[in-house]
Amino acid sequence: MVEQACYWSRPPDAALRVSDIEIQAGGPSYTANTLRALQSAAPNHHFEVIVGSDAGSQLDTWNDSDWLAENARFVMVQRGGQQAAPSSGFDVSVVECPLLEISSTDIRTRVAAGLSIRYMCPEPVRAYIEGHNLYRTADSCDEAPPS
């Protein structure tokens, strides 16, 4: 689904690539470990971590936060209609953008209830979810997916 979303929504001149580095590592994933692995695999590349303002205001509570403060660059997107300040001591750029109050929890709940998610996510992602009967309850799998 991430591959579908990145391909569908990428700017024409952006080379977005999806990595399964966290899946391959297994177990819990921590941003510091992921960045170390990415930097080791591609030492000439620059990585930025995009976070919502809720997470960006709590970076100092993250696993290995001291390493992150010294080695990571964050892009914080204000969300939820509330302005939040990033954690002190971190390299953070704040981005303002139009807000869409759509969460992955809302999408999963709607699919389980047999409701449409059209326009709530990229069309290829919606088609993948419906085509693979993801997030549906056993009762709703017998019904035709909503359009």
N, C-alpha and C. Protein backbone atom coordinates (compact mmCIF):
# COMPACT_ATOMS: atom_id res chain seq x y z
N MET A 1 0.83 -1.20 0.00
CA MET A 1 0.00 0.00 0.00
C MET A 1 0.87 1.26 0.00
N VAL A 2 1.98 1.21 0.70
CA VAL A 2 2.88 2.37 0.71
C VAL A 2 3.44 2.60 -0.68
N GLU A 3 3.80 1.53 -1.38
CA GLU A 3 4.29 1.68 -2.75
C GLU A 3 3.23 2.33 -3.63
N GLN A 4 1.99 1.89 -3.50
CA GLN A 4 0.90 2.46 -4.28
C GLN A 4 0.72 3.94 -3.96
N ALA A 5 0.72 4.28 -2.68
CA ALA A 5 0.52 5.67 -2.27
C ALA A 5 1.66 6.57 -2.74
N CYS A 6 2.90 6.10 -2.62
CA CYS A 6 4.05 6.92 -3.04
C CYS A 6 4.06 7.13 -4.54
N TYR A 7 3.79 6.08 -5.29
CA TYR A 7 3.80 6.23 -6.74
C TYR A 7 2.69 7.16 -7.20
N TRP A 8 1.51 7.00 -6.64
CA TRP A 8 0.34 7.77 -7.05
C TRP A 8 0.46 9.24 -6.70
N SER A 9 1.05 9.54 -5.54
CA SER A 9 1.00 10.92 -5.04
C SER A 9 2.32 11.67 -5.16
N ARG A 10 3.33 11.07 -5.77
CA ARG A 10 4.63 11.75 -5.84
C ARG A 10 4.62 12.89 -6.84
N PRO A 11 5.36 13.95 -6.53
CA PRO A 11 5.54 15.01 -7.53
C PRO A 11 6.31 14.43 -8.72
N PRO A 12 6.10 14.95 -9.92
CA PRO A 12 6.73 14.39 -11.12
C PRO A 12 8.25 14.33 -11.05
N ASP A 13 8.87 15.29 -10.36
CA ASP A 13 10.33 15.32 -10.33
C ASP A 13 10.93 14.68 -9.07
N ALA A 14 10.10 14.05 -8.25
CA ALA A 14 10.60 13.43 -7.02
C ALA A 14 10.80 11.93 -7.23
N ALA A 15 11.91 11.46 -6.73
CA ALA A 15 12.21 10.03 -6.82
C ALA A 15 11.96 9.41 -5.44
N LEU A 16 10.72 9.06 -5.18
CA LEU A 16 10.39 8.43 -3.91
C LEU A 16 10.60 6.93 -4.03
N ARG A 17 11.18 6.36 -2.99
CA ARG A 17 11.37 4.91 -2.96
C ARG A 17 10.87 4.38 -1.63
N VAL A 18 10.28 3.22 -1.67
CA VAL A 18 9.76 2.57 -0.47
C VAL A 18 10.80 1.59 0.03
N SER A 19 10.97 1.53 1.34
CA SER A 19 11.92 0.59 1.93
C SER A 19 11.18 -0.30 2.92
N ASP A 20 11.55 -1.58 2.94
CA ASP A 20 10.99 -2.50 3.92
C ASP A 20 12.00 -2.81 5.01
N ILE A 21 12.92 -1.87 5.23
CA ILE A 21 14.01 -2.07 6.18
C ILE A 21 13.51 -2.39 7.59
N GLU A 22 12.40 -1.77 8.00
CA GLU A 22 11.86 -2.03 9.33
C GLU A 22 11.20 -3.41 9.41
N ILE A 23 10.55 -3.82 8.35
CA ILE A 23 9.93 -5.14 8.32
C ILE A 23 11.01 -6.22 8.36
N GLN A 24 12.07 -6.02 7.57
CA GLN A 24 13.16 -6.99 7.52
C GLN A 24 13.88 -7.11 8.87
N ALA A 25 13.95 -6.01 9.62
CA ALA A 25 14.62 -6.03 10.92
C ALA A 25 13.82 -6.84 11.93
N GLY A 26 12.50 -6.87 11.76
CA GLY A 26 11.65 -7.60 12.70
C GLY A 26 11.55 -6.91 14.04
N GLY A 27 10.55 -7.26 14.79
CA GLY A 27 10.37 -6.70 16.13
C GLY A 27 9.96 -5.24 16.09
N PRO A 28 10.05 -4.60 17.25
CA PRO A 28 9.68 -3.17 17.31
C PRO A 28 10.62 -2.34 16.45
N SER A 29 10.11 -1.28 15.84
CA SER A 29 10.97 -0.42 15.05
C SER A 29 11.12 0.91 15.77
N TYR A 30 12.35 1.35 15.83
CA TYR A 30 12.67 2.64 16.45
C TYR A 30 13.33 3.51 15.39
N THR A 31 12.95 4.77 15.36
CA THR A 31 13.44 5.69 14.35
C THR A 31 14.96 5.75 14.32
N ALA A 32 15.61 5.78 15.48
CA ALA A 32 17.07 5.86 15.51
C ALA A 32 17.69 4.65 14.81
N ASN A 33 17.17 3.46 15.07
CA ASN A 33 17.71 2.26 14.43
C ASN A 33 17.47 2.29 12.93
N THR A 34 16.28 2.73 12.53
CA THR A 34 15.96 2.81 11.10
C THR A 34 16.89 3.79 10.39
N LEU A 35 17.11 4.96 10.98
CA LEU A 35 18.00 5.95 10.37
C LEU A 35 19.44 5.44 10.28
N ARG A 36 19.90 4.77 11.32
CA ARG A 36 21.25 4.20 11.27
C ARG A 36 21.37 3.22 10.10
N ALA A 37 20.38 2.36 9.96
CA ALA A 37 20.40 1.36 8.88
C ALA A 37 20.35 2.04 7.52
N LEU A 38 19.48 3.05 7.37
CA LEU A 38 19.38 3.76 6.10
C LEU A 38 20.68 4.48 5.77
N GLN A 39 21.27 5.15 6.76
CA GLN A 39 22.51 5.88 6.54
C GLN A 39 23.66 4.93 6.21
N SER A 40 23.65 3.75 6.81
CA SER A 40 24.68 2.75 6.52
C SER A 40 24.53 2.22 5.09
N ALA A 41 23.28 2.00 4.68
CA ALA A 41 23.02 1.48 3.34
C ALA A 41 23.23 2.52 2.25
N ALA A 42 23.02 3.79 2.57
CA ALA A 42 23.13 4.86 1.57
C ALA A 42 23.83 6.06 2.20
N PRO A 43 25.14 5.96 2.44
CA PRO A 43 25.86 7.02 3.16
C PRO A 43 25.89 8.37 2.46
N ASN A 44 25.65 8.42 1.17
CA ASN A 44 25.67 9.69 0.43
C ASN A 44 24.29 10.34 0.32
N HIS A 45 23.31 9.76 0.97
CA HIS A 45 21.95 10.31 0.93
C HIS A 45 21.63 11.03 2.23
N HIS A 46 20.71 11.96 2.10
CA HIS A 46 20.25 12.75 3.25
C HIS A 46 18.82 12.31 3.57
N PHE A 47 18.55 11.98 4.82
CA PHE A 47 17.22 11.52 5.21
C PHE A 47 16.59 12.51 6.19
N GLU A 48 15.30 12.72 6.03
CA GLU A 48 14.53 13.53 6.96
C GLU A 48 13.34 12.71 7.43
N VAL A 49 12.98 12.89 8.68
CA VAL A 49 11.86 12.16 9.27
C VAL A 49 10.67 13.10 9.35
N ILE A 50 9.58 12.73 8.69
CA ILE A 50 8.37 13.55 8.71
C ILE A 50 7.49 13.07 9.85
N VAL A 51 7.10 14.00 10.72
CA VAL A 51 6.26 13.66 11.87
C VAL A 51 5.14 14.68 11.99
N GLY A 52 4.06 14.27 12.60
CA GLY A 52 2.99 15.19 12.95
C GLY A 52 3.40 15.98 14.18
N SER A 53 2.71 17.10 14.41
CA SER A 53 3.06 17.96 15.53
C SER A 53 2.91 17.25 16.86
N ASP A 54 1.99 16.29 16.95
CA ASP A 54 1.83 15.56 18.20
C ASP A 54 3.10 14.77 18.53
N ALA A 55 3.70 14.14 17.54
CA ALA A 55 4.94 13.39 17.75
C ALA A 55 6.14 14.34 17.86
N GLY A 56 6.16 15.40 17.04
CA GLY A 56 7.28 16.33 17.05
C GLY A 56 7.45 17.06 18.36
N SER A 57 6.39 17.21 19.11
CA SER A 57 6.48 17.89 20.40
C SER A 57 6.97 16.94 21.50
N GLN A 58 7.15 15.66 21.15
CA GLN A 58 7.58 14.68 22.16
C GLN A 58 8.83 13.91 21.73
N LEU A 59 9.62 14.49 20.85
CA LEU A 59 10.82 13.80 20.36
C LEU A 59 11.77 13.44 21.49
N ASP A 60 11.79 14.25 22.53
CA ASP A 60 12.70 13.98 23.65
C ASP A 60 12.32 12.72 24.43
N THR A 61 11.15 12.15 24.18
CA THR A 61 10.73 10.92 24.86
C THR A 61 11.00 9.68 24.00
N TRP A 62 11.47 9.86 22.78
CA TRP A 62 11.66 8.74 21.86
C TRP A 62 12.87 7.90 22.27
N ASN A 63 12.85 6.65 21.85
CA ASN A 63 13.96 5.75 22.07
C ASN A 63 15.23 6.35 21.45
N ASP A 64 16.31 6.39 22.21
CA ASP A 64 17.60 6.91 21.76
C ASP A 64 17.51 8.37 21.31
N SER A 65 16.77 9.16 22.08
CA SER A 65 16.52 10.57 21.72
C SER A 65 17.80 11.40 21.66
N ASP A 66 18.81 11.08 22.46
CA ASP A 66 20.07 11.83 22.41
C ASP A 66 20.74 11.67 21.05
N TRP A 67 20.75 10.43 20.53
CA TRP A 67 21.33 10.19 19.21
C TRP A 67 20.53 10.93 18.14
N LEU A 68 19.20 10.87 18.25
CA LEU A 68 18.34 11.55 17.27
C LEU A 68 18.59 13.05 17.28
N ALA A 69 18.75 13.64 18.46
CA ALA A 69 18.98 15.08 18.57
C ALA A 69 20.27 15.48 17.84
N GLU A 70 21.26 14.61 17.86
CA GLU A 70 22.54 14.93 17.23
C GLU A 70 22.64 14.52 15.77
N ASN A 71 21.81 13.57 15.32
CA ASN A 71 22.02 12.98 14.00
C ASN A 71 20.83 13.03 13.05
N ALA A 72 19.69 13.43 13.52
CA ALA A 72 18.49 13.36 12.67
C ALA A 72 17.94 14.75 12.36
N ARG A 73 17.32 14.83 11.23
CA ARG A 73 16.61 16.06 10.82
C ARG A 73 15.14 15.69 10.69
N PHE A 74 14.29 16.51 11.31
CA PHE A 74 12.85 16.26 11.31
C PHE A 74 12.10 17.35 10.57
N VAL A 75 11.03 16.97 9.94
CA VAL A 75 10.08 17.91 9.34
C VAL A 75 8.77 17.68 10.10
N MET A 76 8.31 18.70 10.78
CA MET A 76 7.11 18.58 11.60
C MET A 76 5.94 19.27 10.91
N VAL A 77 4.88 18.50 10.68
CA VAL A 77 3.67 19.02 10.05
C VAL A 77 2.66 19.31 11.14
N GLN A 78 2.23 20.57 11.19
CA GLN A 78 1.21 20.93 12.18
C GLN A 78 -0.08 20.20 11.83
N ARG A 79 -0.70 19.56 12.82
CA ARG A 79 -1.92 18.83 12.55
C ARG A 79 -2.87 18.94 13.73
N GLY A 80 -4.10 18.64 13.46
CA GLY A 80 -5.11 18.69 14.51
C GLY A 80 -5.57 20.09 14.83
N GLY A 81 -5.22 21.06 14.01
CA GLY A 81 -5.66 22.43 14.23
C GLY A 81 -4.98 23.10 15.41
N GLN A 82 -4.01 22.45 16.00
CA GLN A 82 -3.32 23.02 17.15
C GLN A 82 -1.86 23.24 16.82
N GLN A 83 -1.35 24.37 17.19
CA GLN A 83 0.06 24.67 16.99
C GLN A 83 0.83 24.03 18.13
N ALA A 84 1.86 23.27 17.80
CA ALA A 84 2.70 22.63 18.81
C ALA A 84 4.14 22.99 18.54
N ALA A 85 4.89 23.18 19.60
CA ALA A 85 6.31 23.49 19.46
C ALA A 85 7.09 22.19 19.45
N PRO A 86 8.11 22.13 18.58
CA PRO A 86 8.94 20.91 18.56
C PRO A 86 9.75 20.80 19.85
N SER A 87 10.14 19.59 20.17
CA SER A 87 11.00 19.36 21.33
C SER A 87 12.28 20.18 21.18
N SER A 88 12.74 20.75 22.26
CA SER A 88 13.95 21.55 22.27
C SER A 88 15.18 20.67 22.03
N GLY A 89 16.15 21.21 21.28
CA GLY A 89 17.40 20.51 21.05
C GLY A 89 17.44 19.63 19.82
N PHE A 90 16.36 19.62 19.04
CA PHE A 90 16.28 18.80 17.84
C PHE A 90 16.29 19.69 16.61
N ASP A 91 16.81 19.18 15.50
CA ASP A 91 16.81 19.90 14.22
C ASP A 91 15.45 19.66 13.56
N VAL A 92 14.57 20.65 13.69
CA VAL A 92 13.19 20.49 13.22
C VAL A 92 12.78 21.68 12.37
N SER A 93 12.26 21.41 11.18
CA SER A 93 11.62 22.42 10.35
C SER A 93 10.12 22.22 10.49
N VAL A 94 9.40 23.30 10.68
CA VAL A 94 7.95 23.21 10.83
C VAL A 94 7.31 23.59 9.50
N VAL A 95 6.37 22.76 9.06
CA VAL A 95 5.69 22.95 7.79
C VAL A 95 4.21 23.19 8.05
N GLU A 96 3.68 24.22 7.44
CA GLU A 96 2.24 24.47 7.49
C GLU A 96 1.65 23.95 6.20
N CYS A 97 0.57 23.25 6.28
CA CYS A 97 -0.08 22.76 5.07
C CYS A 97 -1.57 22.59 5.35
N PRO A 98 -2.37 22.51 4.29
CA PRO A 98 -3.80 22.28 4.50
C PRO A 98 -3.99 20.97 5.26
N LEU A 99 -4.90 20.98 6.18
CA LEU A 99 -5.11 19.81 7.01
C LEU A 99 -6.33 19.02 6.55
N LEU A 100 -6.16 17.73 6.47
CA LEU A 100 -7.27 16.82 6.23
C LEU A 100 -7.39 15.95 7.47
N GLU A 101 -8.50 16.02 8.13
CA GLU A 101 -8.68 15.23 9.35
C GLU A 101 -9.13 13.82 8.99
N ILE A 102 -8.19 13.04 8.45
CA ILE A 102 -8.43 11.64 8.09
C ILE A 102 -7.34 10.84 8.77
N SER A 103 -7.74 9.82 9.50
CA SER A 103 -6.75 8.98 10.15
C SER A 103 -6.84 7.55 9.62
N SER A 104 -5.77 6.81 9.79
CA SER A 104 -5.79 5.40 9.37
C SER A 104 -6.81 4.62 10.20
N THR A 105 -7.00 5.02 11.45
CA THR A 105 -8.01 4.36 12.28
C THR A 105 -9.40 4.58 11.70
N ASP A 106 -9.68 5.82 11.25
CA ASP A 106 -10.98 6.11 10.62
C ASP A 106 -11.19 5.24 9.39
N ILE A 107 -10.16 5.10 8.59
CA ILE A 107 -10.26 4.31 7.36
C ILE A 107 -10.54 2.85 7.69
N ARG A 108 -9.79 2.28 8.62
CA ARG A 108 -10.01 0.88 8.99
C ARG A 108 -11.41 0.67 9.57
N THR A 109 -11.86 1.59 10.39
CA THR A 109 -13.20 1.49 10.99
C THR A 109 -14.28 1.54 9.93
N ARG A 110 -14.14 2.45 8.96
CA ARG A 110 -15.13 2.55 7.89
C ARG A 110 -15.16 1.28 7.04
N VAL A 111 -14.00 0.74 6.72
CA VAL A 111 -13.96 -0.49 5.92
C VAL A 111 -14.63 -1.63 6.68
N ALA A 112 -14.32 -1.76 7.96
CA ALA A 112 -14.92 -2.83 8.77
C ALA A 112 -16.43 -2.70 8.84
N ALA A 113 -16.92 -1.45 8.78
CA ALA A 113 -18.37 -1.22 8.84
C ALA A 113 -19.02 -1.29 7.46
N GLY A 114 -18.23 -1.54 6.42
CA GLY A 114 -18.78 -1.62 5.07
C GLY A 114 -19.05 -0.27 4.44
N LEU A 115 -18.43 0.80 4.96
CA LEU A 115 -18.62 2.14 4.42
C LEU A 115 -17.53 2.48 3.42
N SER A 116 -17.79 3.40 2.54
CA SER A 116 -16.85 3.79 1.52
C SER A 116 -15.68 4.58 2.11
N ILE A 117 -14.50 4.37 1.52
CA ILE A 117 -13.32 5.18 1.87
C ILE A 117 -12.84 5.95 0.65
N ARG A 118 -13.68 5.99 -0.38
CA ARG A 118 -13.32 6.74 -1.58
C ARG A 118 -13.02 8.19 -1.19
N TYR A 119 -11.98 8.75 -1.74
CA TYR A 119 -11.50 10.11 -1.50
C TYR A 119 -10.81 10.28 -0.14
N MET A 120 -10.69 9.21 0.62
CA MET A 120 -10.02 9.30 1.92
C MET A 120 -8.56 8.84 1.83
N CYS A 121 -8.22 8.19 0.73
CA CYS A 121 -6.85 7.73 0.50
C CYS A 121 -6.67 7.65 -1.01
N PRO A 122 -5.42 7.52 -1.46
CA PRO A 122 -5.22 7.40 -2.91
C PRO A 122 -6.01 6.23 -3.49
N GLU A 123 -6.52 6.41 -4.68
CA GLU A 123 -7.37 5.39 -5.31
C GLU A 123 -6.69 4.02 -5.40
N PRO A 124 -5.41 3.93 -5.76
CA PRO A 124 -4.79 2.59 -5.79
C PRO A 124 -4.75 1.92 -4.42
N VAL A 125 -4.64 2.71 -3.36
CA VAL A 125 -4.65 2.15 -2.01
C VAL A 125 -6.04 1.64 -1.66
N ARG A 126 -7.06 2.41 -2.00
CA ARG A 126 -8.44 1.97 -1.76
C ARG A 126 -8.70 0.67 -2.50
N ALA A 127 -8.29 0.59 -3.76
CA ALA A 127 -8.51 -0.61 -4.55
C ALA A 127 -7.77 -1.81 -3.94
N TYR A 128 -6.57 -1.59 -3.43
CA TYR A 128 -5.80 -2.67 -2.80
C TYR A 128 -6.52 -3.16 -1.55
N ILE A 129 -6.96 -2.23 -0.70
CA ILE A 129 -7.66 -2.60 0.53
C ILE A 129 -8.90 -3.42 0.20
N GLU A 130 -9.69 -2.93 -0.75
CA GLU A 130 -10.91 -3.64 -1.10
C GLU A 130 -10.62 -4.95 -1.82
N GLY A 131 -9.64 -4.95 -2.70
CA GLY A 131 -9.31 -6.17 -3.45
C GLY A 131 -8.77 -7.29 -2.59
N HIS A 132 -8.16 -6.94 -1.45
CA HIS A 132 -7.60 -7.93 -0.55
C HIS A 132 -8.44 -8.11 0.72
N ASN A 133 -9.63 -7.51 0.72
CA ASN A 133 -10.54 -7.62 1.87
C ASN A 133 -9.87 -7.28 3.20
N LEU A 134 -9.04 -6.26 3.19
CA LEU A 134 -8.37 -5.85 4.42
C LEU A 134 -9.33 -5.12 5.35
N TYR A 135 -9.13 -5.28 6.63
CA TYR A 135 -9.84 -4.56 7.69
C TYR A 135 -11.32 -4.91 7.78
N ARG A 136 -11.77 -5.91 7.04
CA ARG A 136 -13.19 -6.26 7.05
C ARG A 136 -13.43 -7.33 8.10
N THR A 137 -14.60 -7.28 8.71
CA THR A 137 -14.98 -8.31 9.65
C THR A 137 -15.44 -9.53 8.86
N ALA A 138 -15.54 -10.66 9.52
CA ALA A 138 -16.00 -11.88 8.84
C ALA A 138 -17.39 -11.69 8.25
N ASP A 139 -18.25 -10.97 8.96
CA ASP A 139 -19.62 -10.73 8.45
C ASP A 139 -19.62 -9.85 7.21
N SER A 140 -18.73 -8.83 7.16
CA SER A 140 -18.76 -7.89 6.05
C SER A 140 -18.07 -8.43 4.80
N CYS A 141 -17.29 -9.52 4.93
CA CYS A 141 -16.59 -10.08 3.77
C CYS A 141 -17.54 -10.72 2.77
N ASP A 142 -18.74 -11.08 3.20
CA ASP A 142 -19.72 -11.67 2.29
C ASP A 142 -20.40 -10.64 1.43
N GLU A 143 -20.31 -9.37 1.85
CA GLU A 143 -20.96 -8.29 1.10
C GLU A 143 -20.02 -7.76 0.03
N ALA A 144 -20.60 -7.16 -0.98
CA ALA A 144 -19.78 -6.52 -2.01
C ALA A 144 -19.13 -5.29 -1.42
N PRO A 145 -17.85 -4.99 -1.77
CA PRO A 145 -17.20 -3.79 -1.25
C PRO A 145 -17.92 -2.54 -1.74
N PRO A 146 -17.94 -1.49 -0.87
CA PRO A 146 -18.61 -0.24 -1.28
C PRO A 146 -17.83 0.45 -2.37
N SER A 147 -18.51 1.25 -3.17
CA SER A 147 -17.84 1.99 -4.25
C SER A 147 -17.59 3.40 -3.84
